[in-house]
Amino acid sequence: MRFDLVDLRLVLNVMEAASITHGAARSGMALASASERIRDMEQALGAPLFERKRRGVSPTPAGTALVHHARLVTHQIELMRGDLGAFAKGLRGRVRLLSNTAALLEFLPPVLGGFLAAHPHIDIALEERSSVEIVRGIAGGAADIGIVADAVDPAAALETFPFAEDRLVLVTPRRHPLAARRRIAFTDTLAHDFVGLPDGSALQEHLAGHAARAGQPLRLRVRLPGFDAICRLVESGIGLAIVSRTAALRCRRSMDIRVVPLTDPWALRHLRICVKSLRALPTHAQMLVEHLRRS
């Protein structure tokens, strides 16, 4: 039974994506090549690794066992890269970073830009997830570092550090009936049309959950991939939006929009860095954590 690192990373990507197609794409493989590798592994094991379902795949008991060992092996490889990085300039390190929407769109780009420029031999695999999924992923070893909102208990097994403060606000067109409000509750906005983030966005799912609990689903007219594009469409009068205050104030400098604070307690969120164990991280991942903390 011989599995190489490509096989192990493919198994991890398929498991995390719950899809052979998306797992192949994350691994930089054609679907046919990925399927053939999985078949070869299953033949070598004498057992299926994934159960095929209508909406993707899930690991079998054999697949779950292989995922566990694949994580141990790839983590050890990252530790080796970190330890040897000071001696071999061509040896690249890779940090797996999970982030919620606000941190991904507003806080991380300038911070990561400086880190990557200073460390040309370190790569970052960055994915957007909800805070709950991030905590689960860090605890399970699916990623090295997470950025979560403090509304989620990061569990006793995780170490956390302050990162940034994020406040969600309502953005309206200048002449909208709600534009003159000094502050507003989220439920008082739900009778109006909205502009939102793409389906699957962590922040959009967060807002949809609060709307559903209020018994008034969000009336989304269109979805756009970033806060700036959303604010531009709000300016044209298409609908309202809930975005990060940082983005709203930046967009207000060049767009004819109004920013109204939300009174809901959940609108104020303290973003935190979380890791399973800082000391156990590869050297290059520890360097990124320290950079994030300083920033």
C-alpha atoms as a PDB file:
ATOM      1  CA  MET A   1       0.000   0.000   0.000  1.00  0.00           C
ATOM      2  CA  ARG A   2       1.761   3.165  -1.232  1.00  0.00           C
ATOM      3  CA  PHE A   3       0.135   6.588  -1.031  1.00  0.00           C
ATOM      4  CA  ASP A   4       2.072   9.721  -1.952  1.00  0.00           C
ATOM      5  CA  LEU A   5       1.551  13.308  -0.722  1.00  0.00           C
ATOM      6  CA  VAL A   6      -0.523  14.141  -3.794  1.00  0.00           C
ATOM      7  CA  ASP A   7      -2.909  11.316  -2.879  1.00  0.00           C
ATOM      8  CA  LEU A   8      -3.179  12.480   0.728  1.00  0.00           C
ATOM      9  CA  ARG A   9      -3.792  16.116  -0.179  1.00  0.00           C
ATOM     10  CA  LEU A  10      -6.419  15.048  -2.704  1.00  0.00           C
ATOM     11  CA  VAL A  11      -8.244  13.027  -0.034  1.00  0.00           C
ATOM     12  CA  LEU A  12      -8.195  16.032   2.330  1.00  0.00           C
ATOM     13  CA  ASN A  13      -9.444  18.407  -0.362  1.00  0.00           C
ATOM     14  CA  VAL A  14     -12.260  16.076  -1.410  1.00  0.00           C
ATOM     15  CA  MET A  15     -13.319  15.588   2.207  1.00  0.00           C
ATOM     16  CA  GLU A  16     -13.267  19.343   2.977  1.00  0.00           C
ATOM     17  CA  ALA A  17     -15.142  20.221  -0.224  1.00  0.00           C
ATOM     18  CA  ALA A  18     -17.552  17.254   0.123  1.00  0.00           C
ATOM     19  CA  SER A  19     -17.116  16.888  -3.635  1.00  0.00           C
ATOM     20  CA  ILE A  20     -14.678  15.029  -5.878  1.00  0.00           C
ATOM     21  CA  THR A  21     -15.067  17.715  -8.551  1.00  0.00           C
ATOM     22  CA  HIS A  22     -14.261  20.584  -6.185  1.00  0.00           C
ATOM     23  CA  GLY A  23     -11.589  18.561  -4.401  1.00  0.00           C
ATOM     24  CA  ALA A  24      -9.892  17.925  -7.733  1.00  0.00           C
ATOM     25  CA  ALA A  25     -10.008  21.650  -8.534  1.00  0.00           C
ATOM     26  CA  ARG A  26      -8.455  22.527  -5.163  1.00  0.00           C
ATOM     27  CA  SER A  27      -5.715  19.993  -5.874  1.00  0.00           C
ATOM     28  CA  GLY A  28      -5.057  21.441  -9.328  1.00  0.00           C
ATOM     29  CA  MET A  29      -6.129  18.193 -11.031  1.00  0.00           C
ATOM     30  CA  ALA A  30      -8.492  17.247 -13.815  1.00  0.00           C
ATOM     31  CA  LEU A  31     -11.548  15.405 -12.535  1.00  0.00           C
ATOM     32  CA  ALA A  32     -10.592  12.249 -14.441  1.00  0.00           C
ATOM     33  CA  SER A  33      -7.123  12.180 -12.860  1.00  0.00           C
ATOM     34  CA  ALA A  34      -8.513  12.731  -9.375  1.00  0.00           C
ATOM     35  CA  SER A  35     -11.134  10.006  -9.827  1.00  0.00           C
ATOM     36  CA  GLU A  36      -8.477   7.582 -11.042  1.00  0.00           C
ATOM     37  CA  ARG A  37      -6.264   8.290  -8.017  1.00  0.00           C
ATOM     38  CA  ILE A  38      -9.178   7.714  -5.647  1.00  0.00           C
ATOM     39  CA  ARG A  39     -10.045   4.442  -7.389  1.00  0.00           C
ATOM     40  CA  ASP A  40      -6.414   3.291  -7.119  1.00  0.00           C
ATOM     41  CA  MET A  41      -6.364   4.085  -3.405  1.00  0.00           C
ATOM     42  CA  GLU A  42      -9.644   2.257  -2.853  1.00  0.00           C
ATOM     43  CA  GLN A  43      -8.339  -0.778  -4.727  1.00  0.00           C
ATOM     44  CA  ALA A  44      -5.153  -0.765  -2.662  1.00  0.00           C
ATOM     45  CA  LEU A  45      -7.177  -0.564   0.565  1.00  0.00           C
ATOM     46  CA  GLY A  46      -9.855  -2.966  -0.539  1.00  0.00           C
ATOM     47  CA  ALA A  47     -12.503  -0.565   0.765  1.00  0.00           C
ATOM     48  CA  PRO A  48     -14.288   2.570  -0.525  1.00  0.00           C
ATOM     49  CA  LEU A  49     -13.066   5.929   0.780  1.00  0.00           C
ATOM     50  CA  PHE A  50     -16.108   8.029  -0.053  1.00  0.00           C
ATOM     51  CA  GLU A  51     -19.811   7.409  -0.214  1.00  0.00           C
ATOM     52  CA  ARG A  52     -21.288   8.997  -3.337  1.00  0.00           C
ATOM     53  CA  LYS A  53     -24.477  10.951  -2.684  1.00  0.00           C
ATOM     54  CA  ARG A  54     -26.799  13.132  -4.744  1.00  0.00           C
ATOM     55  CA  ARG A  55     -25.144  16.299  -3.419  1.00  0.00           C
ATOM     56  CA  GLY A  56     -21.501  15.339  -3.160  1.00  0.00           C
ATOM     57  CA  VAL A  57     -19.604  12.748  -1.145  1.00  0.00           C
ATOM     58  CA  SER A  58     -18.939  11.899   2.495  1.00  0.00           C
ATOM     59  CA  PRO A  59     -16.084   9.798   3.908  1.00  0.00           C
ATOM     60  CA  THR A  60     -16.670   6.154   4.781  1.00  0.00           C
ATOM     61  CA  PRO A  61     -15.103   4.759   7.992  1.00  0.00           C
ATOM     62  CA  ALA A  62     -12.012   3.879   5.931  1.00  0.00           C
ATOM     63  CA  GLY A  63     -12.000   7.381   4.461  1.00  0.00           C
ATOM     64  CA  THR A  64     -12.290   8.964   7.895  1.00  0.00           C
ATOM     65  CA  ALA A  65      -9.310   6.951   9.117  1.00  0.00           C
ATOM     66  CA  LEU A  66      -7.272   7.953   6.063  1.00  0.00           C
ATOM     67  CA  VAL A  67      -8.204  11.628   6.517  1.00  0.00           C
ATOM     68  CA  HIS A  68      -6.956  11.479  10.114  1.00  0.00           C
ATOM     69  CA  HIS A  69      -3.574  10.099   9.077  1.00  0.00           C
ATOM     70  CA  ALA A  70      -3.359  12.412   6.039  1.00  0.00           C
ATOM     71  CA  ARG A  71      -3.714  15.395   8.343  1.00  0.00           C
ATOM     72  CA  LEU A  72      -0.978  14.085  10.619  1.00  0.00           C
ATOM     73  CA  VAL A  73       1.364  13.518   7.673  1.00  0.00           C
ATOM     74  CA  THR A  74       0.726  16.886   5.991  1.00  0.00           C
ATOM     75  CA  HIS A  75       1.059  18.677   9.332  1.00  0.00           C
ATOM     76  CA  GLN A  76       4.418  16.985   9.893  1.00  0.00           C
ATOM     77  CA  ILE A  77       5.513  18.059   6.404  1.00  0.00           C
ATOM     78  CA  GLU A  78       4.621  21.664   7.237  1.00  0.00           C
ATOM     79  CA  LEU A  79       6.610  21.413  10.469  1.00  0.00           C
ATOM     80  CA  MET A  80       9.575  20.145   8.485  1.00  0.00           C
ATOM     81  CA  ARG A  81       9.289  22.974   5.995  1.00  0.00           C
ATOM     82  CA  GLY A  82       9.169  25.517   8.783  1.00  0.00           C
ATOM     83  CA  ASP A  83      12.196  24.075  10.549  1.00  0.00           C
ATOM     84  CA  LEU A  84      14.237  23.780   7.367  1.00  0.00           C
ATOM     85  CA  GLY A  85      13.100  27.060   5.838  1.00  0.00           C
ATOM     86  CA  ALA A  86      15.960  28.969   7.445  1.00  0.00           C
ATOM     87  CA  PHE A  87      18.458  26.657   5.741  1.00  0.00           C
ATOM     88  CA  ALA A  88      16.896  26.159   2.316  1.00  0.00           C
ATOM     89  CA  LYS A  89      15.682  29.340   0.618  1.00  0.00           C
ATOM     90  CA  GLY A  90      13.902  27.407  -2.096  1.00  0.00           C
ATOM     91  CA  LEU A  91      11.790  25.370   0.328  1.00  0.00           C
ATOM     92  CA  ARG A  92       8.289  26.855   0.435  1.00  0.00           C
ATOM     93  CA  GLY A  93       6.016  26.867   3.474  1.00  0.00           C
ATOM     94  CA  ARG A  94       2.218  26.879   3.254  1.00  0.00           C
ATOM     95  CA  VAL A  95      -0.165  28.186   5.910  1.00  0.00           C
ATOM     96  CA  ARG A  96      -3.829  27.168   5.872  1.00  0.00           C
ATOM     97  CA  LEU A  97      -5.921  30.158   7.012  1.00  0.00           C
ATOM     98  CA  LEU A  98      -9.712  30.227   7.489  1.00  0.00           C
ATOM     99  CA  SER A  99     -11.520  33.553   7.877  1.00  0.00           C
ATOM    100  CA  ASN A 100     -14.998  34.939   8.308  1.00  0.00           C
ATOM    101  CA  THR A 101     -16.332  37.402   5.714  1.00  0.00           C
ATOM    102  CA  ALA A 102     -15.547  40.715   7.408  1.00  0.00           C
ATOM    103  CA  ALA A 103     -11.931  39.826   8.144  1.00  0.00           C
ATOM    104  CA  LEU A 104     -11.465  38.372   4.661  1.00  0.00           C
ATOM    105  CA  LEU A 105     -12.817  41.419   2.824  1.00  0.00           C
ATOM    106  CA  GLU A 106     -11.701  44.281   5.063  1.00  0.00           C
ATOM    107  CA  PHE A 107      -8.933  43.457   7.507  1.00  0.00           C
ATOM    108  CA  LEU A 108      -6.771  40.705   6.033  1.00  0.00           C
ATOM    109  CA  PRO A 109      -5.792  41.976   2.541  1.00  0.00           C
ATOM    110  CA  PRO A 110      -3.397  44.749   3.681  1.00  0.00           C
ATOM    111  CA  VAL A 111      -2.069  42.648   6.558  1.00  0.00           C
ATOM    112  CA  LEU A 112      -1.398  39.588   4.384  1.00  0.00           C
ATOM    113  CA  GLY A 113       0.072  41.737   1.643  1.00  0.00           C
ATOM    114  CA  GLY A 114       2.791  42.972   3.975  1.00  0.00           C
ATOM    115  CA  PHE A 115       3.483  39.481   5.311  1.00  0.00           C
ATOM    116  CA  LEU A 116       3.726  37.847   1.870  1.00  0.00           C
ATOM    117  CA  ALA A 117       5.985  40.624   0.599  1.00  0.00           C
ATOM    118  CA  ALA A 118       8.315  40.131   3.569  1.00  0.00           C
ATOM    119  CA  HIS A 119       8.287  36.314   3.260  1.00  0.00           C
ATOM    120  CA  PRO A 120       8.427  35.339  -0.436  1.00  0.00           C
ATOM    121  CA  HIS A 121       8.869  31.641   0.389  1.00  0.00           C
ATOM    122  CA  ILE A 122       5.639  31.349   2.396  1.00  0.00           C
ATOM    123  CA  ASP A 123       2.287  30.767   0.684  1.00  0.00           C
ATOM    124  CA  ILE A 124      -1.148  31.180   2.265  1.00  0.00           C
ATOM    125  CA  ALA A 125      -4.198  29.055   1.427  1.00  0.00           C
ATOM    126  CA  LEU A 126      -7.067  31.340   2.453  1.00  0.00           C
ATOM    127  CA  GLU A 127     -10.723  30.260   2.580  1.00  0.00           C
ATOM    128  CA  GLU A 128     -13.892  31.953   3.764  1.00  0.00           C
ATOM    129  CA  ARG A 129     -15.957  30.017   6.314  1.00  0.00           C
ATOM    130  CA  SER A 130     -18.470  30.804   9.034  1.00  0.00           C
ATOM    131  CA  SER A 131     -17.037  31.215  12.528  1.00  0.00           C
ATOM    132  CA  VAL A 132     -18.636  27.943  13.646  1.00  0.00           C
ATOM    133  CA  GLU A 133     -17.037  26.067  10.732  1.00  0.00           C
ATOM    134  CA  ILE A 134     -13.684  27.725  11.418  1.00  0.00           C
ATOM    135  CA  VAL A 135     -13.664  26.630  15.061  1.00  0.00           C
ATOM    136  CA  ARG A 136     -14.534  23.106  13.985  1.00  0.00           C
ATOM    137  CA  GLY A 137     -11.843  23.141  11.289  1.00  0.00           C
ATOM    138  CA  ILE A 138      -9.089  24.400  13.593  1.00  0.00           C
ATOM    139  CA  ALA A 139     -10.018  21.940  16.340  1.00  0.00           C
ATOM    140  CA  GLY A 140     -10.039  19.094  13.803  1.00  0.00           C
ATOM    141  CA  GLY A 141      -6.710  20.021  12.224  1.00  0.00           C
ATOM    142  CA  ALA A 142      -8.186  21.048   8.839  1.00  0.00           C
ATOM    143  CA  ALA A 143      -6.368  24.412   8.992  1.00  0.00           C
ATOM    144  CA  ASP A 144      -3.590  26.117  10.926  1.00  0.00           C
ATOM    145  CA  ILE A 145      -5.111  29.500  11.800  1.00  0.00           C
ATOM    146  CA  GLY A 146      -8.645  30.893  11.965  1.00  0.00           C
ATOM    147  CA  ILE A 147     -10.157  34.362  12.260  1.00  0.00           C
ATOM    148  CA  VAL A 148     -13.524  34.183  14.043  1.00  0.00           C
ATOM    149  CA  ALA A 149     -16.078  36.458  15.674  1.00  0.00           C
ATOM    150  CA  ASP A 150     -16.057  36.273  19.465  1.00  0.00           C
ATOM    151  CA  ALA A 151     -19.767  35.428  19.458  1.00  0.00           C
ATOM    152  CA  VAL A 152     -18.624  31.855  18.830  1.00  0.00           C
ATOM    153  CA  ASP A 153     -17.094  30.024  21.775  1.00  0.00           C
ATOM    154  CA  PRO A 154     -13.771  28.750  20.339  1.00  0.00           C
ATOM    155  CA  ALA A 155     -13.816  25.771  22.709  1.00  0.00           C
ATOM    156  CA  ALA A 156     -11.485  25.077  25.591  1.00  0.00           C
ATOM    157  CA  ALA A 157      -8.966  23.291  23.371  1.00  0.00           C
ATOM    158  CA  LEU A 158      -8.153  26.389  21.255  1.00  0.00           C
ATOM    159  CA  GLU A 159      -5.848  29.322  21.943  1.00  0.00           C
ATOM    160  CA  THR A 160      -7.182  32.741  20.892  1.00  0.00           C
ATOM    161  CA  PHE A 161      -5.711  36.226  20.471  1.00  0.00           C
ATOM    162  CA  PRO A 162      -7.343  39.616  19.701  1.00  0.00           C
ATOM    163  CA  PHE A 163      -7.273  40.685  16.048  1.00  0.00           C
ATOM    164  CA  ALA A 164      -9.756  43.481  15.218  1.00  0.00           C
ATOM    165  CA  GLU A 165     -13.129  45.012  16.045  1.00  0.00           C
ATOM    166  CA  ASP A 166     -15.889  44.837  13.445  1.00  0.00           C
ATOM    167  CA  ARG A 167     -19.302  46.535  13.571  1.00  0.00           C
ATOM    168  CA  LEU A 168     -22.049  45.745  11.093  1.00  0.00           C
ATOM    169  CA  VAL A 169     -24.085  48.717   9.845  1.00  0.00           C
ATOM    170  CA  LEU A 170     -26.993  49.399   7.511  1.00  0.00           C
ATOM    171  CA  VAL A 171     -26.201  51.146   4.234  1.00  0.00           C
ATOM    172  CA  THR A 172     -29.019  52.980   2.440  1.00  0.00           C
ATOM    173  CA  PRO A 173     -29.443  55.172  -0.657  1.00  0.00           C
ATOM    174  CA  ARG A 174     -29.394  58.883   0.196  1.00  0.00           C
ATOM    175  CA  ARG A 175     -33.135  59.389  -0.338  1.00  0.00           C
ATOM    176  CA  HIS A 176     -34.347  56.142   1.242  1.00  0.00           C
ATOM    177  CA  PRO A 177     -36.979  56.383   4.032  1.00  0.00           C
ATOM    178  CA  LEU A 178     -34.532  54.809   6.512  1.00  0.00           C
ATOM    179  CA  ALA A 179     -31.619  57.101   5.607  1.00  0.00           C
ATOM    180  CA  ALA A 180     -32.546  59.689   8.240  1.00  0.00           C
ATOM    181  CA  ARG A 181     -32.605  57.210  11.148  1.00  0.00           C
ATOM    182  CA  ARG A 182     -29.907  57.747  13.788  1.00  0.00           C
ATOM    183  CA  ARG A 183     -29.857  53.997  14.543  1.00  0.00           C
ATOM    184  CA  ILE A 184     -32.069  51.048  13.708  1.00  0.00           C
ATOM    185  CA  ALA A 185     -32.816  47.445  14.663  1.00  0.00           C
ATOM    186  CA  PHE A 186     -32.217  44.814  12.018  1.00  0.00           C
ATOM    187  CA  THR A 187     -35.821  43.610  12.186  1.00  0.00           C
ATOM    188  CA  ASP A 188     -37.032  47.111  11.222  1.00  0.00           C
ATOM    189  CA  THR A 189     -35.210  46.837   7.893  1.00  0.00           C
ATOM    190  CA  LEU A 190     -36.635  43.519   6.737  1.00  0.00           C
ATOM    191  CA  ALA A 191     -39.655  44.966   4.943  1.00  0.00           C
ATOM    192  CA  HIS A 192     -37.286  46.423   2.337  1.00  0.00           C
ATOM    193  CA  ASP A 193     -35.288  44.956  -0.550  1.00  0.00           C
ATOM    194  CA  PHE A 194     -31.633  44.063   0.027  1.00  0.00           C
ATOM    195  CA  VAL A 195     -28.385  43.704  -1.879  1.00  0.00           C
ATOM    196  CA  GLY A 196     -26.255  40.875  -0.478  1.00  0.00           C
ATOM    197  CA  LEU A 197     -23.155  38.751  -0.737  1.00  0.00           C
ATOM    198  CA  PRO A 198     -22.998  35.526  -2.798  1.00  0.00           C
ATOM    199  CA  ASP A 199     -24.773  32.381  -1.694  1.00  0.00           C
ATOM    200  CA  GLY A 200     -22.580  30.536   0.801  1.00  0.00           C
ATOM    201  CA  SER A 201     -20.929  33.690   2.150  1.00  0.00           C
ATOM    202  CA  ALA A 202     -20.410  33.400   5.897  1.00  0.00           C
ATOM    203  CA  LEU A 203     -21.774  36.878   6.641  1.00  0.00           C
ATOM    204  CA  GLN A 204     -24.777  36.421   4.365  1.00  0.00           C
ATOM    205  CA  GLU A 205     -25.674  33.153   6.087  1.00  0.00           C
ATOM    206  CA  HIS A 206     -25.282  34.911   9.455  1.00  0.00           C
ATOM    207  CA  LEU A 207     -27.738  37.642   8.414  1.00  0.00           C
ATOM    208  CA  ALA A 208     -30.158  35.150   6.867  1.00  0.00           C
ATOM    209  CA  GLY A 209     -30.220  33.269  10.173  1.00  0.00           C
ATOM    210  CA  HIS A 210     -31.158  36.411  12.137  1.00  0.00           C
ATOM    211  CA  ALA A 211     -33.834  37.278   9.572  1.00  0.00           C
ATOM    212  CA  ALA A 212     -35.300  33.776   9.715  1.00  0.00           C
ATOM    213  CA  ARG A 213     -35.452  33.927  13.517  1.00  0.00           C
ATOM    214  CA  ALA A 214     -37.393  37.183  13.161  1.00  0.00           C
ATOM    215  CA  GLY A 215     -39.838  35.426  10.818  1.00  0.00           C
ATOM    216  CA  GLN A 216     -39.029  37.736   7.886  1.00  0.00           C
ATOM    217  CA  PRO A 217     -36.613  36.272   5.327  1.00  0.00           C
ATOM    218  CA  LEU A 218     -34.273  38.695   3.559  1.00  0.00           C
ATOM    219  CA  ARG A 219     -35.643  39.968   0.252  1.00  0.00           C
ATOM    220  CA  LEU A 220     -32.431  39.753  -1.758  1.00  0.00           C
ATOM    221  CA  ARG A 221     -32.656  41.279  -5.232  1.00  0.00           C
ATOM    222  CA  VAL A 222     -29.055  40.629  -6.255  1.00  0.00           C
ATOM    223  CA  ARG A 223     -25.827  39.198  -4.828  1.00  0.00           C
ATOM    224  CA  LEU A 224     -22.383  40.711  -5.385  1.00  0.00           C
ATOM    225  CA  PRO A 225     -18.930  39.454  -4.302  1.00  0.00           C
ATOM    226  CA  GLY A 226     -17.649  42.419  -2.272  1.00  0.00           C
ATOM    227  CA  PHE A 227     -18.690  45.309  -0.012  1.00  0.00           C
ATOM    228  CA  ASP A 228     -17.621  48.018  -2.478  1.00  0.00           C
ATOM    229  CA  ALA A 229     -19.745  46.559  -5.284  1.00  0.00           C
ATOM    230  CA  ILE A 230     -22.671  46.159  -2.887  1.00  0.00           C
ATOM    231  CA  CYS A 231     -22.465  49.800  -1.746  1.00  0.00           C
ATOM    232  CA  ARG A 232     -22.296  50.963  -5.353  1.00  0.00           C
ATOM    233  CA  LEU A 233     -25.561  49.162  -6.111  1.00  0.00           C
ATOM    234  CA  VAL A 234     -27.156  50.507  -2.925  1.00  0.00           C
ATOM    235  CA  GLU A 235     -26.230  54.000  -4.139  1.00  0.00           C
ATOM    236  CA  SER A 236     -28.251  53.374  -7.308  1.00  0.00           C
ATOM    237  CA  GLY A 237     -31.360  52.682  -5.215  1.00  0.00           C
ATOM    238  CA  ILE A 238     -31.674  48.929  -5.753  1.00  0.00           C
ATOM    239  CA  GLY A 239     -31.903  48.069  -2.058  1.00  0.00           C
ATOM    240  CA  LEU A 240     -30.342  48.185   1.405  1.00  0.00           C
ATOM    241  CA  ALA A 241     -27.283  46.293   2.635  1.00  0.00           C
ATOM    242  CA  ILE A 242     -25.627  45.195   5.866  1.00  0.00           C
ATOM    243  CA  VAL A 243     -21.844  45.567   5.621  1.00  0.00           C
ATOM    244  CA  SER A 244     -18.791  46.135   7.775  1.00  0.00           C
ATOM    245  CA  ARG A 245     -18.615  49.693   9.156  1.00  0.00           C
ATOM    246  CA  THR A 246     -15.044  49.966   7.880  1.00  0.00           C
ATOM    247  CA  ALA A 247     -16.216  49.304   4.321  1.00  0.00           C
ATOM    248  CA  ALA A 248     -19.273  51.545   4.667  1.00  0.00           C
ATOM    249  CA  LEU A 249     -17.245  54.564   5.816  1.00  0.00           C
ATOM    250  CA  ARG A 250     -14.698  54.033   3.052  1.00  0.00           C
ATOM    251  CA  CYS A 251     -17.412  53.785   0.391  1.00  0.00           C
ATOM    252  CA  ARG A 252     -19.247  56.828   1.758  1.00  0.00           C
ATOM    253  CA  ARG A 253     -16.273  59.001   0.810  1.00  0.00           C
ATOM    254  CA  SER A 254     -16.932  58.353  -2.896  1.00  0.00           C
ATOM    255  CA  MET A 255     -20.587  57.235  -2.987  1.00  0.00           C
ATOM    256  CA  ASP A 256     -23.875  58.947  -2.178  1.00  0.00           C
ATOM    257  CA  ILE A 257     -24.957  56.551   0.567  1.00  0.00           C
ATOM    258  CA  ARG A 258     -25.989  56.810   4.194  1.00  0.00           C
ATOM    259  CA  VAL A 259     -24.635  54.697   7.073  1.00  0.00           C
ATOM    260  CA  VAL A 260     -27.009  53.810   9.929  1.00  0.00           C
ATOM    261  CA  PRO A 261     -25.726  51.935  13.024  1.00  0.00           C
ATOM    262  CA  LEU A 262     -27.558  48.746  14.023  1.00  0.00           C
ATOM    263  CA  THR A 263     -28.796  48.510  17.616  1.00  0.00           C
ATOM    264  CA  ASP A 264     -28.595  44.703  17.699  1.00  0.00           C
ATOM    265  CA  PRO A 265     -25.951  43.406  20.163  1.00  0.00           C
ATOM    266  CA  TRP A 266     -24.654  40.919  17.566  1.00  0.00           C
ATOM    267  CA  ALA A 267     -23.747  43.805  15.229  1.00  0.00           C
ATOM    268  CA  LEU A 268     -20.614  44.519  17.287  1.00  0.00           C
ATOM    269  CA  ARG A 269     -18.111  41.714  16.890  1.00  0.00           C
ATOM    270  CA  HIS A 270     -14.575  41.314  18.163  1.00  0.00           C
ATOM    271  CA  LEU A 271     -12.546  39.294  15.696  1.00  0.00           C
ATOM    272  CA  ARG A 272     -10.070  36.852  17.194  1.00  0.00           C
ATOM    273  CA  ILE A 273      -7.237  34.694  15.925  1.00  0.00           C
ATOM    274  CA  CYS A 274      -7.616  31.065  16.950  1.00  0.00           C
ATOM    275  CA  VAL A 275      -5.186  28.151  16.758  1.00  0.00           C
ATOM    276  CA  LYS A 276      -5.154  24.680  18.228  1.00  0.00           C
ATOM    277  CA  SER A 277      -1.718  25.219  19.779  1.00  0.00           C
ATOM    278  CA  LEU A 278       0.589  28.096  18.884  1.00  0.00           C
ATOM    279  CA  ARG A 279       3.683  26.210  20.028  1.00  0.00           C
ATOM    280  CA  ALA A 280       2.781  23.163  17.909  1.00  0.00           C
ATOM    281  CA  LEU A 281       2.337  25.173  14.690  1.00  0.00           C
ATOM    282  CA  PRO A 282       5.012  25.083  11.982  1.00  0.00           C
ATOM    283  CA  THR A 283       7.466  27.969  12.256  1.00  0.00           C
ATOM    284  CA  HIS A 284       6.052  29.836   9.266  1.00  0.00           C
ATOM    285  CA  ALA A 285       2.494  29.565  10.672  1.00  0.00           C
ATOM    286  CA  GLN A 286       3.718  30.914  14.025  1.00  0.00           C
ATOM    287  CA  MET A 287       5.282  33.820  12.139  1.00  0.00           C
ATOM    288  CA  LEU A 288       1.917  34.626  10.522  1.00  0.00           C
ATOM    289  CA  VAL A 289       0.119  34.518  13.881  1.00  0.00           C
ATOM    290  CA  GLU A 290       2.619  36.967  15.351  1.00  0.00           C
ATOM    291  CA  HIS A 291       2.257  39.219  12.316  1.00  0.00           C
ATOM    292  CA  LEU A 292      -1.545  39.192  12.654  1.00  0.00           C
ATOM    293  CA  ARG A 293      -1.317  39.982  16.364  1.00  0.00           C
ATOM    294  CA  ARG A 294       1.034  42.940  15.745  1.00  0.00           C
ATOM    295  CA  SER A 295      -1.213  44.252  12.990  1.00  0.00           C
END
